[in-house]
Amino acid sequence: MVCNYFSVRGWTDPLYSLLSRLQNAALGQDDPLELTEKTISTETRTELKNLYADPDPGRWDWDPGQWDWELSLRDAQEDVDAGYVAIIPVKNGCRFKHKIEPPFSHDEWAIKFVGAGFGCPTILLKGSLQEAKRELDLLLGADTPEILY
């Protein structure tokens, strides 16, 4: 990397600082996620049980703009759009940006509910993508579609 060339201990050159910030931005280091280790209130868990996978389109989609797997949700009680849930690849607390779907070997994920109308924290999970999906299924109390590569 270019920044390694300038990494002399105690050297505070503005060029090095600029290159370092640009490199961190390119690696997604400036986009930290507020993560929690599954500390979800009982009220929020109850609200999550009202959500289910929207049958249209009824599948997970990789969003190359957001760098995550997304699934549309519906509210079972009111039968209305409830936003979506994203399973996000994470590395060191930040989005791990892949131009294509992350490899099966990736082992750090976050589950984030977007537009669901309630404050569910973003949940950090260690393990495979399938394990993250299984944890989401437990939170919703229902199976979501398989994630197909």
Protein backbone atom coordinates (compact mmCIF):
# COMPACT_ATOMS: atom_id res chain seq x y z
CA MET A 1 0.00 0.00 0.00
CA VAL A 2 1.09 3.57 -0.62
CA CYS A 3 0.69 4.52 3.05
CA ASN A 4 3.15 1.85 4.13
CA TYR A 5 5.84 3.63 2.12
CA PHE A 6 5.37 6.76 4.22
CA SER A 7 5.05 4.99 7.56
CA VAL A 8 8.14 6.27 9.34
CA ARG A 9 7.68 6.42 13.10
CA GLY A 10 7.08 9.98 14.31
CA TRP A 11 6.66 11.41 10.82
CA THR A 12 3.54 13.58 10.54
CA ASP A 13 3.54 14.63 6.91
CA PRO A 14 0.23 16.03 5.58
CA LEU A 15 0.57 13.83 2.48
CA TYR A 16 0.80 10.71 4.64
CA SER A 17 -2.24 11.84 6.63
CA LEU A 18 -4.26 12.44 3.46
CA LEU A 19 -3.26 9.08 1.93
CA SER A 20 -4.08 7.29 5.16
CA ARG A 21 -7.56 8.84 5.33
CA LEU A 22 -8.22 8.00 1.68
CA GLN A 23 -7.07 4.42 2.17
CA ASN A 24 -9.26 3.98 5.27
CA ALA A 25 -12.23 5.44 3.39
CA ALA A 26 -11.64 3.03 0.50
CA LEU A 27 -11.56 0.12 2.95
CA GLY A 28 -14.78 1.28 4.57
CA GLN A 29 -13.11 2.20 7.85
CA ASP A 30 -15.02 5.50 8.04
CA ASP A 31 -18.41 3.72 8.12
CA PRO A 32 -18.57 2.16 11.57
CA LEU A 33 -21.76 0.35 12.55
CA GLU A 34 -23.24 0.69 16.01
CA LEU A 35 -23.23 -2.96 16.97
CA THR A 36 -24.58 -4.89 19.91
CA GLU A 37 -24.17 -8.47 21.05
CA LYS A 38 -27.87 -9.48 20.89
CA THR A 39 -29.12 -7.17 23.67
CA ILE A 40 -32.65 -6.67 22.41
CA SER A 41 -35.50 -5.61 24.66
CA THR A 42 -38.48 -7.92 25.20
CA GLU A 43 -40.78 -5.35 23.57
CA THR A 44 -38.61 -5.23 20.44
CA ARG A 45 -38.44 -9.05 20.30
CA THR A 46 -42.26 -9.13 20.38
CA GLU A 47 -42.45 -6.60 17.54
CA LEU A 48 -39.98 -8.64 15.49
CA LYS A 49 -42.27 -11.67 15.77
CA ASN A 50 -44.89 -9.68 13.78
CA LEU A 51 -42.60 -9.42 10.75
CA TYR A 52 -42.31 -11.92 7.91
CA ALA A 53 -40.56 -12.10 4.53
CA ASP A 54 -42.50 -10.26 1.83
CA PRO A 55 -43.65 -12.90 -0.70
CA ASP A 56 -43.02 -10.40 -3.51
CA PRO A 57 -40.13 -10.82 -4.39
CA GLY A 58 -39.76 -13.52 -1.71
CA ARG A 59 -35.97 -13.81 -1.92
CA TRP A 60 -32.74 -12.32 -0.61
CA ASP A 61 -30.99 -9.88 -2.95
CA TRP A 62 -27.38 -8.71 -2.87
CA ASP A 63 -27.34 -4.88 -2.99
CA PRO A 64 -24.03 -3.82 -4.58
CA GLY A 65 -24.66 -0.19 -3.54
CA GLN A 66 -25.14 -0.98 0.16
CA TRP A 67 -22.83 -4.03 0.21
CA ASP A 68 -25.34 -6.29 1.97
CA TRP A 69 -27.97 -9.02 1.59
CA GLU A 70 -31.50 -7.55 1.80
CA LEU A 71 -34.94 -9.07 2.35
CA SER A 72 -38.19 -7.08 2.19
CA LEU A 73 -40.45 -7.44 5.24
CA ARG A 74 -44.16 -7.13 5.90
CA ASP A 75 -46.05 -6.58 9.13
CA ALA A 76 -48.34 -9.57 9.80
CA GLN A 77 -50.85 -7.62 11.92
CA GLU A 78 -51.43 -4.72 9.53
CA ASP A 79 -50.32 -6.43 6.26
CA VAL A 80 -48.22 -3.42 5.25
CA ASP A 81 -44.64 -2.90 4.08
CA ALA A 82 -42.33 -2.95 7.11
CA GLY A 83 -39.04 -2.02 5.44
CA TYR A 84 -36.32 -4.60 5.09
CA VAL A 85 -33.70 -6.52 6.99
CA ALA A 86 -30.06 -6.50 5.90
CA ILE A 87 -27.35 -9.03 6.66
CA ILE A 88 -24.14 -7.02 6.38
CA PRO A 89 -20.61 -8.40 6.08
CA VAL A 90 -18.52 -6.79 8.84
CA LYS A 91 -14.81 -6.52 9.52
CA ASN A 92 -13.43 -4.71 12.58
CA GLY A 93 -16.82 -3.13 13.31
CA CYS A 94 -17.23 -1.62 9.82
CA ARG A 95 -18.95 -2.72 6.65
CA PHE A 96 -16.65 -5.04 4.76
CA LYS A 97 -17.15 -3.93 1.19
CA HIS A 98 -17.28 -6.64 -1.45
CA LYS A 99 -17.99 -5.89 -5.11
CA ILE A 100 -19.65 -9.31 -5.30
CA GLU A 101 -21.25 -11.43 -2.61
CA PRO A 102 -18.74 -12.18 0.18
CA PRO A 103 -17.13 -15.63 0.12
CA PHE A 104 -18.51 -18.48 2.22
CA SER A 105 -15.42 -18.15 4.41
CA HIS A 106 -16.46 -14.69 5.70
CA ASP A 107 -17.30 -15.07 9.40
CA GLU A 108 -18.49 -11.74 10.82
CA TRP A 109 -21.97 -10.35 10.08
CA ALA A 110 -24.46 -7.80 11.33
CA ILE A 111 -28.27 -7.91 11.17
CA LYS A 112 -29.85 -4.51 10.68
CA PHE A 113 -33.56 -3.68 10.39
CA VAL A 114 -34.23 -0.68 8.14
CA GLY A 115 -37.50 1.23 8.14
CA ALA A 116 -39.27 -1.22 10.43
CA GLY A 117 -40.70 1.62 12.51
CA PHE A 118 -39.07 0.63 15.78
CA GLY A 119 -35.62 0.87 17.28
CA CYS A 120 -33.95 -2.50 16.95
CA PRO A 121 -30.19 -2.33 17.41
CA THR A 122 -27.82 -3.66 14.78
CA ILE A 123 -26.76 -7.10 15.97
CA LEU A 124 -23.20 -8.39 15.59
CA LEU A 125 -22.81 -12.11 14.87
CA LYS A 126 -19.78 -14.35 14.49
CA GLY A 127 -20.05 -17.32 12.16
CA SER A 128 -21.16 -18.11 8.64
CA LEU A 129 -23.80 -16.34 6.57
CA GLN A 130 -26.14 -19.30 7.14
CA GLU A 131 -25.66 -18.97 10.93
CA ALA A 132 -26.52 -15.25 10.69
CA LYS A 133 -29.66 -16.13 8.71
CA ARG A 134 -30.58 -18.79 11.28
CA GLU A 135 -30.25 -16.20 14.09
CA LEU A 136 -32.52 -13.85 12.12
CA ASP A 137 -35.06 -16.66 11.67
CA LEU A 138 -35.07 -17.14 15.46
CA LEU A 139 -35.63 -13.41 16.01
CA LEU A 140 -38.56 -13.37 13.56
CA GLY A 141 -39.97 -16.67 14.75
CA ALA A 142 -40.28 -17.83 11.12
CA ASP A 143 -38.04 -19.14 8.38
CA THR A 144 -36.80 -16.70 5.76
CA PRO A 145 -35.93 -17.81 2.22
CA GLU A 146 -32.55 -19.41 1.61
CA ILE A 147 -29.75 -17.08 0.53
CA LEU A 148 -28.68 -18.23 -2.92
CA TYR A 149 -25.33 -17.33 -4.43
